[in-house]
Amino acid sequence: MNWKNKAKRLLGNRTTHLQGDGQFALVTACRTRAFSLWPTRAEAEQAKNSIISCGGDCHGISSHYIADLGEAA
């Protein structure tokens, strides 16, 4: 499975892939919409919890979420 392509399809072509590969996408849905991919939910959660701000245009941690690309249709 090409997780990067699936994430781009589900999240939109304007969403930037920052790093990684895996089934779980950590999405920062702020002004600059981006995602990173992680092999496990635990790793994605750890990355999410380590973010203080994703940039000057960050809407806060409530705008960050994890998507399981394996469950997405």
PDB file of N, CA and C in Angstrom:
ATOM      1  N   MET A   1       0.850  -1.183   0.000  1.00  0.00           N
ATOM      2  CA  MET A   1       0.000   0.000   0.000  1.00  0.00           C
ATOM      3  C   MET A   1       0.892   1.242   0.000  1.00  0.00           C
ATOM      4  N   ASN A   2       0.582   2.167  -0.871  1.00  0.00           N
ATOM      5  CA  ASN A   2       1.301   3.439  -0.891  1.00  0.00           C
ATOM      6  C   ASN A   2       0.532   4.422  -0.009  1.00  0.00           C
ATOM      7  N   TRP A   3       0.962   4.536   1.246  1.00  0.00           N
ATOM      8  CA  TRP A   3       0.256   5.355   2.233  1.00  0.00           C
ATOM      9  C   TRP A   3       0.301   6.829   1.886  1.00  0.00           C
ATOM     10  N   LYS A   4       1.400   7.280   1.321  1.00  0.00           N
ATOM     11  CA  LYS A   4       1.513   8.695   0.964  1.00  0.00           C
ATOM     12  C   LYS A   4       0.455   9.071  -0.071  1.00  0.00           C
ATOM     13  N   ASN A   5       0.307   8.264  -1.110  1.00  0.00           N
ATOM     14  CA  ASN A   5      -0.692   8.545  -2.145  1.00  0.00           C
ATOM     15  C   ASN A   5      -2.111   8.470  -1.589  1.00  0.00           C
ATOM     16  N   LYS A   6      -2.355   7.495  -0.703  1.00  0.00           N
ATOM     17  CA  LYS A   6      -3.688   7.385  -0.114  1.00  0.00           C
ATOM     18  C   LYS A   6      -3.994   8.604   0.752  1.00  0.00           C
ATOM     19  N   ALA A   7      -3.023   9.050   1.530  1.00  0.00           N
ATOM     20  CA  ALA A   7      -3.222  10.244   2.357  1.00  0.00           C
ATOM     21  C   ALA A   7      -3.492  11.466   1.484  1.00  0.00           C
ATOM     22  N   LYS A   8      -2.735  11.625   0.409  1.00  0.00           N
ATOM     23  CA  LYS A   8      -2.940  12.764  -0.498  1.00  0.00           C
ATOM     24  C   LYS A   8      -4.347  12.729  -1.090  1.00  0.00           C
ATOM     25  N   ARG A   9      -4.803  11.545  -1.453  1.00  0.00           N
ATOM     26  CA  ARG A   9      -6.140  11.401  -2.039  1.00  0.00           C
ATOM     27  C   ARG A   9      -7.222  11.773  -1.015  1.00  0.00           C
ATOM     28  N   LEU A  10      -7.057  11.315   0.226  1.00  0.00           N
ATOM     29  CA  LEU A  10      -8.065  11.564   1.259  1.00  0.00           C
ATOM     30  C   LEU A  10      -7.999  12.980   1.833  1.00  0.00           C
ATOM     31  N   LEU A  11      -6.789  13.518   1.950  1.00  0.00           N
ATOM     32  CA  LEU A  11      -6.613  14.824   2.601  1.00  0.00           C
ATOM     33  C   LEU A  11      -6.549  15.985   1.620  1.00  0.00           C
ATOM     34  N   GLY A  12      -6.363  15.682   0.349  1.00  0.00           N
ATOM     35  CA  GLY A  12      -6.294  16.724  -0.673  1.00  0.00           C
ATOM     36  C   GLY A  12      -4.872  16.969  -1.155  1.00  0.00           C
ATOM     37  N   ASN A  13      -4.747  17.316  -2.413  1.00  0.00           N
ATOM     38  CA  ASN A  13      -3.431  17.515  -3.023  1.00  0.00           C
ATOM     39  C   ASN A  13      -2.679  18.705  -2.459  1.00  0.00           C
ATOM     40  N   ARG A  14      -3.371  19.627  -1.835  1.00  0.00           N
ATOM     41  CA  ARG A  14      -2.698  20.799  -1.247  1.00  0.00           C
ATOM     42  C   ARG A  14      -2.094  20.500   0.119  1.00  0.00           C
ATOM     43  N   THR A  15      -2.357  19.302   0.633  1.00  0.00           N
ATOM     44  CA  THR A  15      -1.790  18.894   1.912  1.00  0.00           C
ATOM     45  C   THR A  15      -0.360  18.415   1.674  1.00  0.00           C
ATOM     46  N   THR A  16       0.568  18.931   2.461  1.00  0.00           N
ATOM     47  CA  THR A  16       1.989  18.642   2.276  1.00  0.00           C
ATOM     48  C   THR A  16       2.423  17.445   3.111  1.00  0.00           C
ATOM     49  N   HIS A  17       3.135  16.517   2.463  1.00  0.00           N
ATOM     50  CA  HIS A  17       3.723  15.380   3.173  1.00  0.00           C
ATOM     51  C   HIS A  17       5.056  15.834   3.754  1.00  0.00           C
ATOM     52  N   LEU A  18       5.196  15.758   5.066  1.00  0.00           N
ATOM     53  CA  LEU A  18       6.415  16.214   5.728  1.00  0.00           C
ATOM     54  C   LEU A  18       7.461  15.117   5.853  1.00  0.00           C
ATOM     55  N   GLN A  19       7.026  13.929   6.290  1.00  0.00           N
ATOM     56  CA  GLN A  19       7.990  12.850   6.506  1.00  0.00           C
ATOM     57  C   GLN A  19       7.278  11.539   6.735  1.00  0.00           C
ATOM     58  N   GLY A  20       8.046  10.473   6.649  1.00  0.00           N
ATOM     59  CA  GLY A  20       7.623   9.168   7.086  1.00  0.00           C
ATOM     60  C   GLY A  20       6.814   8.345   6.110  1.00  0.00           C
ATOM     61  N   ASP A  21       6.507   7.126   6.577  1.00  0.00           N
ATOM     62  CA  ASP A  21       5.696   6.188   5.827  1.00  0.00           C
ATOM     63  C   ASP A  21       4.978   5.302   6.839  1.00  0.00           C
ATOM     64  N   GLY A  22       3.736   5.031   6.596  1.00  0.00           N
ATOM     65  CA  GLY A  22       2.980   4.167   7.486  1.00  0.00           C
ATOM     66  C   GLY A  22       1.499   4.438   7.381  1.00  0.00           C
ATOM     67  N   GLN A  23       0.744   3.619   8.078  1.00  0.00           N
ATOM     68  CA  GLN A  23      -0.719   3.625   7.997  1.00  0.00           C
ATOM     69  C   GLN A  23      -1.367   4.784   8.747  1.00  0.00           C
ATOM     70  N   PHE A  24      -0.652   5.394   9.694  1.00  0.00           N
ATOM     71  CA  PHE A  24      -1.250   6.429  10.534  1.00  0.00           C
ATOM     72  C   PHE A  24      -0.710   7.802  10.172  1.00  0.00           C
ATOM     73  N   ALA A  25      -1.624   8.700   9.813  1.00  0.00           N
ATOM     74  CA  ALA A  25      -1.252  10.059   9.417  1.00  0.00           C
ATOM     75  C   ALA A  25      -1.525  11.021  10.566  1.00  0.00           C
ATOM     76  N   LEU A  26      -0.486  11.733  10.971  1.00  0.00           N
ATOM     77  CA  LEU A  26      -0.645  12.833  11.915  1.00  0.00           C
ATOM     78  C   LEU A  26      -0.871  14.073  11.068  1.00  0.00           C
ATOM     79  N   VAL A  27      -2.062  14.634  11.169  1.00  0.00           N
ATOM     80  CA  VAL A  27      -2.468  15.756  10.327  1.00  0.00           C
ATOM     81  C   VAL A  27      -2.483  17.035  11.152  1.00  0.00           C
ATOM     82  N   THR A  28      -1.828  18.057  10.640  1.00  0.00           N
ATOM     83  CA  THR A  28      -1.909  19.392  11.230  1.00  0.00           C
ATOM     84  C   THR A  28      -2.770  20.208  10.274  1.00  0.00           C
ATOM     85  N   ALA A  29      -4.020  20.354  10.653  1.00  0.00           N
ATOM     86  CA  ALA A  29      -5.008  20.990   9.768  1.00  0.00           C
ATOM     87  C   ALA A  29      -5.087  22.493  10.026  1.00  0.00           C
ATOM     88  N   CYS A  30      -3.941  23.122  10.087  1.00  0.00           N
ATOM     89  CA  CYS A  30      -3.867  24.557  10.314  1.00  0.00           C
ATOM     90  C   CYS A  30      -3.766  25.258   8.954  1.00  0.00           C
ATOM     91  N   ARG A  31      -3.343  26.496   8.938  1.00  0.00           N
ATOM     92  CA  ARG A  31      -3.288  27.235   7.672  1.00  0.00           C
ATOM     93  C   ARG A  31      -2.460  26.499   6.619  1.00  0.00           C
ATOM     94  N   THR A  32      -1.287  26.019   7.025  1.00  0.00           N
ATOM     95  CA  THR A  32      -0.475  25.179   6.149  1.00  0.00           C
ATOM     96  C   THR A  32      -0.785  23.738   6.517  1.00  0.00           C
ATOM     97  N   ARG A  33      -1.707  23.131   5.783  1.00  0.00           N
ATOM     98  CA  ARG A  33      -2.166  21.772   6.074  1.00  0.00           C
ATOM     99  C   ARG A  33      -1.071  20.784   5.691  1.00  0.00           C
ATOM    100  N   ALA A  34      -0.690  19.920   6.642  1.00  0.00           N
ATOM    101  CA  ALA A  34       0.400  18.982   6.400  1.00  0.00           C
ATOM    102  C   ALA A  34       0.139  17.678   7.140  1.00  0.00           C
ATOM    103  N   PHE A  35       0.906  16.652   6.761  1.00  0.00           N
ATOM    104  CA  PHE A  35       0.801  15.378   7.461  1.00  0.00           C
ATOM    105  C   PHE A  35       2.151  14.671   7.477  1.00  0.00           C
ATOM    106  N   SER A  36       2.327  13.847   8.500  1.00  0.00           N
ATOM    107  CA  SER A  36       3.456  12.931   8.564  1.00  0.00           C
ATOM    108  C   SER A  36       2.882  11.538   8.768  1.00  0.00           C
ATOM    109  N   LEU A  37       3.589  10.546   8.279  1.00  0.00           N
ATOM    110  CA  LEU A  37       3.095   9.173   8.337  1.00  0.00           C
ATOM    111  C   LEU A  37       3.897   8.361   9.344  1.00  0.00           C
ATOM    112  N   TRP A  38       3.196   7.484  10.063  1.00  0.00           N
ATOM    113  CA  TRP A  38       3.799   6.679  11.120  1.00  0.00           C
ATOM    114  C   TRP A  38       3.308   5.249  11.014  1.00  0.00           C
ATOM    115  N   PRO A  39       4.164   4.260  11.317  1.00  0.00           N
ATOM    116  CA  PRO A  39       3.760   2.859  11.195  1.00  0.00           C
ATOM    117  C   PRO A  39       2.764   2.395  12.248  1.00  0.00           C
ATOM    118  N   THR A  40       2.755   3.038  13.426  1.00  0.00           N
ATOM    119  CA  THR A  40       1.822   2.639  14.483  1.00  0.00           C
ATOM    120  C   THR A  40       1.091   3.864  15.036  1.00  0.00           C
ATOM    121  N   ARG A  41      -0.090   3.619  15.588  1.00  0.00           N
ATOM    122  CA  ARG A  41      -0.848   4.703  16.224  1.00  0.00           C
ATOM    123  C   ARG A  41      -0.069   5.269  17.414  1.00  0.00           C
ATOM    124  N   ALA A  42       0.617   4.405  18.156  1.00  0.00           N
ATOM    125  CA  ALA A  42       1.377   4.855  19.332  1.00  0.00           C
ATOM    126  C   ALA A  42       2.462   5.858  18.921  1.00  0.00           C
ATOM    127  N   GLU A  43       3.161   5.586  17.824  1.00  0.00           N
ATOM    128  CA  GLU A  43       4.190   6.517  17.355  1.00  0.00           C
ATOM    129  C   GLU A  43       3.566   7.833  16.888  1.00  0.00           C
ATOM    130  N   ALA A  44       2.430   7.737  16.223  1.00  0.00           N
ATOM    131  CA  ALA A  44       1.741   8.950  15.774  1.00  0.00           C
ATOM    132  C   ALA A  44       1.265   9.774  16.970  1.00  0.00           C
ATOM    133  N   GLU A  45       0.739   9.104  17.991  1.00  0.00           N
ATOM    134  CA  GLU A  45       0.296   9.797  19.204  1.00  0.00           C
ATOM    135  C   GLU A  45       1.470  10.471  19.905  1.00  0.00           C
ATOM    136  N   GLN A  46       2.604   9.778  19.963  1.00  0.00           N
ATOM    137  CA  GLN A  46       3.798  10.348  20.593  1.00  0.00           C
ATOM    138  C   GLN A  46       4.245  11.601  19.842  1.00  0.00           C
ATOM    139  N   ALA A  47       4.226  11.541  18.519  1.00  0.00           N
ATOM    140  CA  ALA A  47       4.608  12.706  17.710  1.00  0.00           C
ATOM    141  C   ALA A  47       3.618  13.853  17.931  1.00  0.00           C
ATOM    142  N   LYS A  48       2.336  13.535  17.970  1.00  0.00           N
ATOM    143  CA  LYS A  48       1.308  14.558  18.190  1.00  0.00           C
ATOM    144  C   LYS A  48       1.505  15.245  19.541  1.00  0.00           C
ATOM    145  N   ASN A  49       1.798  14.460  20.564  1.00  0.00           N
ATOM    146  CA  ASN A  49       1.970  15.001  21.906  1.00  0.00           C
ATOM    147  C   ASN A  49       3.241  15.833  22.047  1.00  0.00           C
ATOM    148  N   SER A  50       4.197  15.656  21.125  1.00  0.00           N
ATOM    149  CA  SER A  50       5.450  16.412  21.212  1.00  0.00           C
ATOM    150  C   SER A  50       5.366  17.764  20.508  1.00  0.00           C
ATOM    151  N   ILE A  51       4.281  18.015  19.767  1.00  0.00           N
ATOM    152  CA  ILE A  51       4.124  19.280  19.041  1.00  0.00           C
ATOM    153  C   ILE A  51       3.662  20.370  20.008  1.00  0.00           C
ATOM    154  N   ILE A  52       4.418  21.427  20.083  1.00  0.00           N
ATOM    155  CA  ILE A  52       3.999  22.594  20.860  1.00  0.00           C
ATOM    156  C   ILE A  52       3.231  23.533  19.931  1.00  0.00           C
ATOM    157  N   SER A  53       3.776  23.730  18.749  1.00  0.00           N
ATOM    158  CA  SER A  53       3.136  24.560  17.727  1.00  0.00           C
ATOM    159  C   SER A  53       3.676  24.103  16.382  1.00  0.00           C
ATOM    160  N   CYS A  54       2.818  24.041  15.379  1.00  0.00           N
ATOM    161  CA  CYS A  54       3.279  23.607  14.058  1.00  0.00           C
ATOM    162  C   CYS A  54       3.689  24.795  13.192  1.00  0.00           C
ATOM    163  N   GLY A  55       3.733  25.970  13.777  1.00  0.00           N
ATOM    164  CA  GLY A  55       4.159  27.163  13.038  1.00  0.00           C
ATOM    165  C   GLY A  55       3.414  28.393  13.514  1.00  0.00           C
ATOM    166  N   GLY A  56       3.733  29.521  12.956  1.00  0.00           N
ATOM    167  CA  GLY A  56       3.121  30.776  13.348  1.00  0.00           C
ATOM    168  C   GLY A  56       1.635  30.844  13.071  1.00  0.00           C
ATOM    169  N   ASP A  57       1.159  29.972  12.192  1.00  0.00           N
ATOM    170  CA  ASP A  57      -0.262  29.966  11.836  1.00  0.00           C
ATOM    171  C   ASP A  57      -0.999  28.782  12.459  1.00  0.00           C
ATOM    172  N   CYS A  58      -0.438  28.223  13.519  1.00  0.00           N
ATOM    173  CA  CYS A  58      -1.024  27.049  14.169  1.00  0.00           C
ATOM    174  C   CYS A  58      -2.321  27.428  14.885  1.00  0.00           C
ATOM    175  N   HIS A  59      -3.337  26.601  14.705  1.00  0.00           N
ATOM    176  CA  HIS A  59      -4.626  26.809  15.369  1.00  0.00           C
ATOM    177  C   HIS A  59      -4.693  26.096  16.717  1.00  0.00           C
ATOM    178  N   GLY A  60      -3.602  25.466  17.107  1.00  0.00           N
ATOM    179  CA  GLY A  60      -3.541  24.775  18.392  1.00  0.00           C
ATOM    180  C   GLY A  60      -3.712  23.281  18.265  1.00  0.00           C
ATOM    181  N   ILE A  61      -3.402  22.605  19.344  1.00  0.00           N
ATOM    182  CA  ILE A  61      -3.408  21.145  19.357  1.00  0.00           C
ATOM    183  C   ILE A  61      -4.769  20.556  18.983  1.00  0.00           C
ATOM    184  N   SER A  62      -5.839  21.288  19.199  1.00  0.00           N
ATOM    185  CA  SER A  62      -7.164  20.767  18.848  1.00  0.00           C
ATOM    186  C   SER A  62      -7.344  20.627  17.334  1.00  0.00           C
ATOM    187  N   SER A  63      -6.469  21.275  16.558  1.00  0.00           N
ATOM    188  CA  SER A  63      -6.528  21.177  15.095  1.00  0.00           C
ATOM    189  C   SER A  63      -5.663  20.042  14.553  1.00  0.00           C
ATOM    190  N   HIS A  64      -4.975  19.340  15.430  1.00  0.00           N
ATOM    191  CA  HIS A  64      -4.122  18.234  15.020  1.00  0.00           C
ATOM    192  C   HIS A  64      -4.838  16.923  15.329  1.00  0.00           C
ATOM    193  N   TYR A  65      -4.790  15.989  14.402  1.00  0.00           N
ATOM    194  CA  TYR A  65      -5.464  14.711  14.626  1.00  0.00           C
ATOM    195  C   TYR A  65      -4.756  13.589  13.912  1.00  0.00           C
ATOM    196  N   ILE A  66      -5.110  12.368  14.255  1.00  0.00           N
ATOM    197  CA  ILE A  66      -4.523  11.170  13.646  1.00  0.00           C
ATOM    198  C   ILE A  66      -5.595  10.477  12.818  1.00  0.00           C
ATOM    199  N   ALA A  67      -5.238  10.135  11.593  1.00  0.00           N
ATOM    200  CA  ALA A  67      -6.148   9.405  10.701  1.00  0.00           C
ATOM    201  C   ALA A  67      -5.555   8.014  10.433  1.00  0.00           C
ATOM    202  N   ASP A  68      -6.369   6.989  10.613  1.00  0.00           N
ATOM    203  CA  ASP A  68      -5.965   5.627  10.282  1.00  0.00           C
ATOM    204  C   ASP A  68      -6.302   5.395   8.815  1.00  0.00           C
ATOM    205  N   LEU A  69      -5.289   5.409   7.976  1.00  0.00           N
ATOM    206  CA  LEU A  69      -5.507   5.294   6.529  1.00  0.00           C
ATOM    207  C   LEU A  69      -5.961   3.894   6.129  1.00  0.00           C
ATOM    208  N   GLY A  70      -5.739   2.926   6.992  1.00  0.00           N
ATOM    209  CA  GLY A  70      -6.192   1.554   6.731  1.00  0.00           C
ATOM    210  C   GLY A  70      -7.696   1.423   6.864  1.00  0.00           C
ATOM    211  N   GLU A  71      -8.319   2.295   7.655  1.00  0.00           N
ATOM    212  CA  GLU A  71      -9.770   2.254   7.860  1.00  0.00           C
ATOM    213  C   GLU A  71     -10.511   3.156   6.886  1.00  0.00           C
ATOM    214  N   ALA A  72      -9.818   4.109   6.301  1.00  0.00           N
ATOM    215  CA  ALA A  72     -10.464   5.074   5.403  1.00  0.00           C
ATOM    216  C   ALA A  72     -10.883   4.386   4.104  1.00  0.00           C
ATOM    217  N   ALA A  73     -12.058   4.742   3.644  1.00  0.00           N
ATOM    218  CA  ALA A  73     -12.577   4.129   2.396  1.00  0.00           C
ATOM    219  C   ALA A  73     -12.007   4.808   1.189  1.00  0.00           C
TER     220      ALA A  73
END
